[in-house]
Amino acid sequence: MLLTVAVALNPVGIDFLRSAFFAGEQLARNIAQPIVLTAMAILALIGALEWLVRVLIINRRARGGTTA
């Protein structure tokens, strides 16, 4: 997740996000918006999977279960 934030907040990532939503040309917005929205959906899915794995690990440790 930190790598994703670093990629999104570098100058190229900020420029791409800006062109997706604030570009003066409709063509630029039409090209960039689906890419940005798909990337955001994938990141949300990765975040949800990470949260689920952490919850499962915490619950397993609380029960005293083994990993082997």
PDB file of N, CA and C in Angstrom:
ATOM      1  N   MET A   1       0.824  -1.185   0.000  1.00  0.00           N
ATOM      2  CA  MET A   1       0.000   0.000   0.000  1.00  0.00           C
ATOM      3  C   MET A   1       0.874   1.257   0.000  1.00  0.00           C
ATOM      4  N   LEU A   2       2.017   1.216   0.674  1.00  0.00           N
ATOM      5  CA  LEU A   2       2.911   2.360   0.670  1.00  0.00           C
ATOM      6  C   LEU A   2       3.470   2.627  -0.722  1.00  0.00           C
ATOM      7  N   LEU A   3       3.766   1.574  -1.454  1.00  0.00           N
ATOM      8  CA  LEU A   3       4.259   1.740  -2.818  1.00  0.00           C
ATOM      9  C   LEU A   3       3.201   2.404  -3.691  1.00  0.00           C
ATOM     10  N   THR A   4       1.969   2.059  -3.483  1.00  0.00           N
ATOM     11  CA  THR A   4       0.877   2.656  -4.249  1.00  0.00           C
ATOM     12  C   THR A   4       0.765   4.148  -3.970  1.00  0.00           C
ATOM     13  N   VAL A   5       0.872   4.509  -2.713  1.00  0.00           N
ATOM     14  CA  VAL A   5       0.815   5.927  -2.349  1.00  0.00           C
ATOM     15  C   VAL A   5       1.991   6.673  -2.961  1.00  0.00           C
ATOM     16  N   ALA A   6       3.172   6.057  -2.938  1.00  0.00           N
ATOM     17  CA  ALA A   6       4.352   6.700  -3.518  1.00  0.00           C
ATOM     18  C   ALA A   6       4.187   6.895  -5.021  1.00  0.00           C
ATOM     19  N   VAL A   7       3.614   5.918  -5.700  1.00  0.00           N
ATOM     20  CA  VAL A   7       3.405   6.032  -7.141  1.00  0.00           C
ATOM     21  C   VAL A   7       2.357   7.096  -7.446  1.00  0.00           C
ATOM     22  N   ALA A   8       1.308   7.150  -6.655  1.00  0.00           N
ATOM     23  CA  ALA A   8       0.228   8.103  -6.920  1.00  0.00           C
ATOM     24  C   ALA A   8       0.639   9.533  -6.587  1.00  0.00           C
ATOM     25  N   LEU A   9       1.531   9.714  -5.632  1.00  0.00           N
ATOM     26  CA  LEU A   9       1.875  11.065  -5.199  1.00  0.00           C
ATOM     27  C   LEU A   9       3.162  11.608  -5.804  1.00  0.00           C
ATOM     28  N   ASN A  10       3.780  10.889  -6.728  1.00  0.00           N
ATOM     29  CA  ASN A  10       4.932  11.466  -7.409  1.00  0.00           C
ATOM     30  C   ASN A  10       4.425  12.405  -8.504  1.00  0.00           C
ATOM     31  N   PRO A  11       5.275  13.221  -9.090  1.00  0.00           N
ATOM     32  CA  PRO A  11       4.799  14.202 -10.075  1.00  0.00           C
ATOM     33  C   PRO A  11       4.078  13.585 -11.279  1.00  0.00           C
ATOM     34  N   VAL A  12       4.526  12.433 -11.753  1.00  0.00           N
ATOM     35  CA  VAL A  12       3.866  11.798 -12.891  1.00  0.00           C
ATOM     36  C   VAL A  12       2.480  11.296 -12.491  1.00  0.00           C
ATOM     37  N   GLY A  13       2.366  10.696 -11.311  1.00  0.00           N
ATOM     38  CA  GLY A  13       1.073  10.207 -10.835  1.00  0.00           C
ATOM     39  C   GLY A  13       0.081  11.335 -10.607  1.00  0.00           C
ATOM     40  N   ILE A  14       0.541  12.419 -10.030  1.00  0.00           N
ATOM     41  CA  ILE A  14      -0.336  13.573  -9.808  1.00  0.00           C
ATOM     42  C   ILE A  14      -0.794  14.149 -11.140  1.00  0.00           C
ATOM     43  N   ASP A  15       0.113  14.211 -12.104  1.00  0.00           N
ATOM     44  CA  ASP A  15      -0.259  14.711 -13.433  1.00  0.00           C
ATOM     45  C   ASP A  15      -1.299  13.816 -14.089  1.00  0.00           C
ATOM     46  N   PHE A  16      -1.150  12.513 -13.935  1.00  0.00           N
ATOM     47  CA  PHE A  16      -2.118  11.580 -14.524  1.00  0.00           C
ATOM     48  C   PHE A  16      -3.476  11.717 -13.844  1.00  0.00           C
ATOM     49  N   LEU A  17      -3.491  11.835 -12.518  1.00  0.00           N
ATOM     50  CA  LEU A  17      -4.760  12.036 -11.810  1.00  0.00           C
ATOM     51  C   LEU A  17      -5.411  13.349 -12.212  1.00  0.00           C
ATOM     52  N   ARG A  18      -4.607  14.392 -12.362  1.00  0.00           N
ATOM     53  CA  ARG A  18      -5.132  15.688 -12.767  1.00  0.00           C
ATOM     54  C   ARG A  18      -5.716  15.615 -14.181  1.00  0.00           C
ATOM     55  N   SER A  19      -5.027  14.900 -15.071  1.00  0.00           N
ATOM     56  CA  SER A  19      -5.542  14.798 -16.434  1.00  0.00           C
ATOM     57  C   SER A  19      -6.807  13.946 -16.500  1.00  0.00           C
ATOM     58  N   ALA A  20      -6.973  13.036 -15.548  1.00  0.00           N
ATOM     59  CA  ALA A  20      -8.164  12.189 -15.548  1.00  0.00           C
ATOM     60  C   ALA A  20      -9.418  12.959 -15.164  1.00  0.00           C
ATOM     61  N   PHE A  21      -9.282  13.956 -14.318  1.00  0.00           N
ATOM     62  CA  PHE A  21     -10.470  14.626 -13.810  1.00  0.00           C
ATOM     63  C   PHE A  21     -10.553  16.117 -14.136  1.00  0.00           C
ATOM     64  N   PHE A  22      -9.410  16.757 -14.386  1.00  0.00           N
ATOM     65  CA  PHE A  22      -9.436  18.205 -14.569  1.00  0.00           C
ATOM     66  C   PHE A  22      -8.864  18.661 -15.908  1.00  0.00           C
ATOM     67  N   ALA A  23      -8.701  17.759 -16.843  1.00  0.00           N
ATOM     68  CA  ALA A  23      -8.137  18.129 -18.144  1.00  0.00           C
ATOM     69  C   ALA A  23      -9.135  18.985 -18.921  1.00  0.00           C
ATOM     70  N   GLY A  24      -8.589  19.871 -19.741  1.00  0.00           N
ATOM     71  CA  GLY A  24      -9.430  20.727 -20.550  1.00  0.00           C
ATOM     72  C   GLY A  24     -10.016  19.996 -21.748  1.00  0.00           C
ATOM     73  N   GLU A  25      -9.394  18.903 -22.135  1.00  0.00           N
ATOM     74  CA  GLU A  25      -9.863  18.160 -23.297  1.00  0.00           C
ATOM     75  C   GLU A  25     -10.695  16.956 -22.869  1.00  0.00           C
ATOM     76  N   GLN A  26     -11.795  16.758 -23.531  1.00  0.00           N
ATOM     77  CA  GLN A  26     -12.659  15.615 -23.230  1.00  0.00           C
ATOM     78  C   GLN A  26     -11.967  14.301 -23.553  1.00  0.00           C
ATOM     79  N   LEU A  27     -11.169  14.272 -24.622  1.00  0.00           N
ATOM     80  CA  LEU A  27     -10.478  13.038 -25.019  1.00  0.00           C
ATOM     81  C   LEU A  27      -9.513  12.581 -23.931  1.00  0.00           C
ATOM     82  N   ALA A  28      -8.781  13.513 -23.349  1.00  0.00           N
ATOM     83  CA  ALA A  28      -7.839  13.162 -22.282  1.00  0.00           C
ATOM     84  C   ALA A  28      -8.578  12.598 -21.074  1.00  0.00           C
ATOM     85  N   ARG A  29      -9.709  13.214 -20.733  1.00  0.00           N
ATOM     86  CA  ARG A  29     -10.493  12.712 -19.594  1.00  0.00           C
ATOM     87  C   ARG A  29     -11.062  11.339 -19.903  1.00  0.00           C
ATOM     88  N   ASN A  30     -11.535  11.129 -21.128  1.00  0.00           N
ATOM     89  CA  ASN A  30     -12.123   9.835 -21.499  1.00  0.00           C
ATOM     90  C   ASN A  30     -11.094   8.723 -21.501  1.00  0.00           C
ATOM     91  N   ILE A  31      -9.857   9.038 -21.793  1.00  0.00           N
ATOM     92  CA  ILE A  31      -8.809   8.019 -21.787  1.00  0.00           C
ATOM     93  C   ILE A  31      -8.334   7.730 -20.367  1.00  0.00           C
ATOM     94  N   ALA A  32      -8.127   8.766 -19.578  1.00  0.00           N
ATOM     95  CA  ALA A  32      -7.507   8.602 -18.264  1.00  0.00           C
ATOM     96  C   ALA A  32      -8.486   8.148 -17.180  1.00  0.00           C
ATOM     97  N   GLN A  33      -9.738   8.564 -17.236  1.00  0.00           N
ATOM     98  CA  GLN A  33     -10.684   8.223 -16.167  1.00  0.00           C
ATOM     99  C   GLN A  33     -10.884   6.728 -15.975  1.00  0.00           C
ATOM    100  N   PRO A  34     -11.117   5.927 -17.021  1.00  0.00           N
ATOM    101  CA  PRO A  34     -11.282   4.490 -16.774  1.00  0.00           C
ATOM    102  C   PRO A  34     -10.028   3.842 -16.185  1.00  0.00           C
ATOM    103  N   ILE A  35      -8.861   4.321 -16.596  1.00  0.00           N
ATOM    104  CA  ILE A  35      -7.616   3.771 -16.061  1.00  0.00           C
ATOM    105  C   ILE A  35      -7.502   4.083 -14.578  1.00  0.00           C
ATOM    106  N   VAL A  36      -7.758   5.328 -14.211  1.00  0.00           N
ATOM    107  CA  VAL A  36      -7.650   5.738 -12.806  1.00  0.00           C
ATOM    108  C   VAL A  36      -8.715   5.047 -11.959  1.00  0.00           C
ATOM    109  N   LEU A  37      -9.927   4.976 -12.441  1.00  0.00           N
ATOM    110  CA  LEU A  37     -10.998   4.342 -11.663  1.00  0.00           C
ATOM    111  C   LEU A  37     -10.761   2.842 -11.497  1.00  0.00           C
ATOM    112  N   THR A  38     -10.231   2.188 -12.528  1.00  0.00           N
ATOM    113  CA  THR A  38      -9.890   0.768 -12.417  1.00  0.00           C
ATOM    114  C   THR A  38      -8.772   0.561 -11.409  1.00  0.00           C
ATOM    115  N   ALA A  39      -7.769   1.419 -11.451  1.00  0.00           N
ATOM    116  CA  ALA A  39      -6.664   1.319 -10.489  1.00  0.00           C
ATOM    117  C   ALA A  39      -7.165   1.539  -9.064  1.00  0.00           C
ATOM    118  N   MET A  40      -8.082   2.489  -8.882  1.00  0.00           N
ATOM    119  CA  MET A  40      -8.631   2.729  -7.550  1.00  0.00           C
ATOM    120  C   MET A  40      -9.436   1.537  -7.057  1.00  0.00           C
ATOM    121  N   ALA A  41     -10.186   0.886  -7.942  1.00  0.00           N
ATOM    122  CA  ALA A  41     -10.960  -0.298  -7.555  1.00  0.00           C
ATOM    123  C   ALA A  41     -10.032  -1.452  -7.181  1.00  0.00           C
ATOM    124  N   ILE A  42      -8.959  -1.621  -7.945  1.00  0.00           N
ATOM    125  CA  ILE A  42      -7.993  -2.685  -7.633  1.00  0.00           C
ATOM    126  C   ILE A  42      -7.324  -2.412  -6.292  1.00  0.00           C
ATOM    127  N   LEU A  43      -6.969  -1.162  -6.025  1.00  0.00           N
ATOM    128  CA  LEU A  43      -6.352  -0.820  -4.742  1.00  0.00           C
ATOM    129  C   LEU A  43      -7.313  -1.035  -3.582  1.00  0.00           C
ATOM    130  N   ALA A  44      -8.582  -0.730  -3.783  1.00  0.00           N
ATOM    131  CA  ALA A  44      -9.571  -0.986  -2.728  1.00  0.00           C
ATOM    132  C   ALA A  44      -9.699  -2.481  -2.468  1.00  0.00           C
ATOM    133  N   LEU A  45      -9.664  -3.284  -3.520  1.00  0.00           N
ATOM    134  CA  LEU A  45      -9.721  -4.734  -3.363  1.00  0.00           C
ATOM    135  C   LEU A  45      -8.487  -5.260  -2.627  1.00  0.00           C
ATOM    136  N   ILE A  46      -7.333  -4.758  -2.961  1.00  0.00           N
ATOM    137  CA  ILE A  46      -6.103  -5.172  -2.279  1.00  0.00           C
ATOM    138  C   ILE A  46      -6.166  -4.773  -0.809  1.00  0.00           C
ATOM    139  N   GLY A  47      -6.657  -3.566  -0.527  1.00  0.00           N
ATOM    140  CA  GLY A  47      -6.798  -3.125   0.862  1.00  0.00           C
ATOM    141  C   GLY A  47      -7.769  -4.001   1.641  1.00  0.00           C
ATOM    142  N   ALA A  48      -8.884  -4.379   1.017  1.00  0.00           N
ATOM    143  CA  ALA A  48      -9.853  -5.247   1.688  1.00  0.00           C
ATOM    144  C   ALA A  48      -9.275  -6.639   1.939  1.00  0.00           C
ATOM    145  N   LEU A  49      -8.533  -7.176   0.980  1.00  0.00           N
ATOM    146  CA  LEU A  49      -7.902  -8.485   1.178  1.00  0.00           C
ATOM    147  C   LEU A  49      -6.853  -8.432   2.281  1.00  0.00           C
ATOM    148  N   GLU A  50      -6.076  -7.356   2.308  1.00  0.00           N
ATOM    149  CA  GLU A  50      -5.079  -7.209   3.366  1.00  0.00           C
ATOM    150  C   GLU A  50      -5.747  -7.141   4.737  1.00  0.00           C
ATOM    151  N   TRP A  51      -6.825  -6.389   4.832  1.00  0.00           N
ATOM    152  CA  TRP A  51      -7.552  -6.294   6.092  1.00  0.00           C
ATOM    153  C   TRP A  51      -8.101  -7.655   6.507  1.00  0.00           C
ATOM    154  N   LEU A  52      -8.661  -8.402   5.558  1.00  0.00           N
ATOM    155  CA  LEU A  52      -9.215  -9.719   5.855  1.00  0.00           C
ATOM    156  C   LEU A  52      -8.140 -10.675   6.358  1.00  0.00           C
ATOM    157  N   VAL A  53      -7.003 -10.682   5.724  1.00  0.00           N
ATOM    158  CA  VAL A  53      -5.908 -11.552   6.150  1.00  0.00           C
ATOM    159  C   VAL A  53      -5.442 -11.177   7.551  1.00  0.00           C
ATOM    160  N   ARG A  54      -5.326  -9.879   7.813  1.00  0.00           N
ATOM    161  CA  ARG A  54      -4.902  -9.450   9.154  1.00  0.00           C
ATOM    162  C   ARG A  54      -5.913  -9.861  10.219  1.00  0.00           C
ATOM    163  N   VAL A  55      -7.207  -9.729   9.919  1.00  0.00           N
ATOM    164  CA  VAL A  55      -8.244 -10.122  10.879  1.00  0.00           C
ATOM    165  C   VAL A  55      -8.177 -11.630  11.125  1.00  0.00           C
ATOM    166  N   LEU A  56      -8.015 -12.418  10.078  1.00  0.00           N
ATOM    167  CA  LEU A  56      -7.929 -13.867  10.243  1.00  0.00           C
ATOM    168  C   LEU A  56      -6.707 -14.264  11.068  1.00  0.00           C
ATOM    169  N   ILE A  57      -5.584 -13.618  10.831  1.00  0.00           N
ATOM    170  CA  ILE A  57      -4.373 -13.927  11.594  1.00  0.00           C
ATOM    171  C   ILE A  57      -4.553 -13.547  13.058  1.00  0.00           C
ATOM    172  N   ILE A  58      -5.130 -12.389  13.313  1.00  0.00           N
ATOM    173  CA  ILE A  58      -5.347 -11.954  14.699  1.00  0.00           C
ATOM    174  C   ILE A  58      -6.303 -12.903  15.421  1.00  0.00           C
ATOM    175  N   ASN A  59      -7.375 -13.310  14.747  1.00  0.00           N
ATOM    176  CA  ASN A  59      -8.329 -14.237  15.365  1.00  0.00           C
ATOM    177  C   ASN A  59      -7.700 -15.603  15.625  1.00  0.00           C
ATOM    178  N   ARG A  60      -6.864 -16.074  14.714  1.00  0.00           N
ATOM    179  CA  ARG A  60      -6.205 -17.364  14.893  1.00  0.00           C
ATOM    180  C   ARG A  60      -5.233 -17.315  16.079  1.00  0.00           C
ATOM    181  N   ARG A  61      -4.513 -16.209  16.199  1.00  0.00           N
ATOM    182  CA  ARG A  61      -3.591 -16.062  17.330  1.00  0.00           C
ATOM    183  C   ARG A  61      -4.337 -15.977  18.643  1.00  0.00           C
ATOM    184  N   ALA A  62      -5.498 -15.313  18.649  1.00  0.00           N
ATOM    185  CA  ALA A  62      -6.289 -15.173  19.869  1.00  0.00           C
ATOM    186  C   ALA A  62      -6.835 -16.531  20.317  1.00  0.00           C
ATOM    187  N   ARG A  63      -7.155 -17.403  19.346  1.00  0.00           N
ATOM    188  CA  ARG A  63      -7.646 -18.739  19.689  1.00  0.00           C
ATOM    189  C   ARG A  63      -6.550 -19.663  20.137  1.00  0.00           C
ATOM    190  N   GLY A  64      -5.321 -19.337  19.768  1.00  0.00           N
ATOM    191  CA  GLY A  64      -4.207 -20.227  20.115  1.00  0.00           C
ATOM    192  C   GLY A  64      -3.972 -21.297  19.084  1.00  0.00           C
ATOM    193  N   GLY A  65      -4.459 -21.130  17.895  1.00  0.00           N
ATOM    194  CA  GLY A  65      -4.270 -22.115  16.833  1.00  0.00           C
ATOM    195  C   GLY A  65      -2.850 -22.090  16.308  1.00  0.00           C
ATOM    196  N   THR A  66      -2.473 -23.163  15.663  1.00  0.00           N
ATOM    197  CA  THR A  66      -1.139 -23.245  15.090  1.00  0.00           C
ATOM    198  C   THR A  66      -1.215 -22.959  13.598  1.00  0.00           C
ATOM    199  N   THR A  67      -0.088 -22.605  13.008  1.00  0.00           N
ATOM    200  CA  THR A  67      -0.060 -22.309  11.584  1.00  0.00           C
ATOM    201  C   THR A  67       0.342 -23.544  10.783  1.00  0.00           C
ATOM    202  N   ALA A  68       0.832 -24.594  11.426  1.00  0.00           N
ATOM    203  CA  ALA A  68       1.288 -25.787  10.710  1.00  0.00           C
ATOM    204  C   ALA A  68       0.227 -26.850  10.648  1.00  0.00           C
TER     205      ALA A  68
END
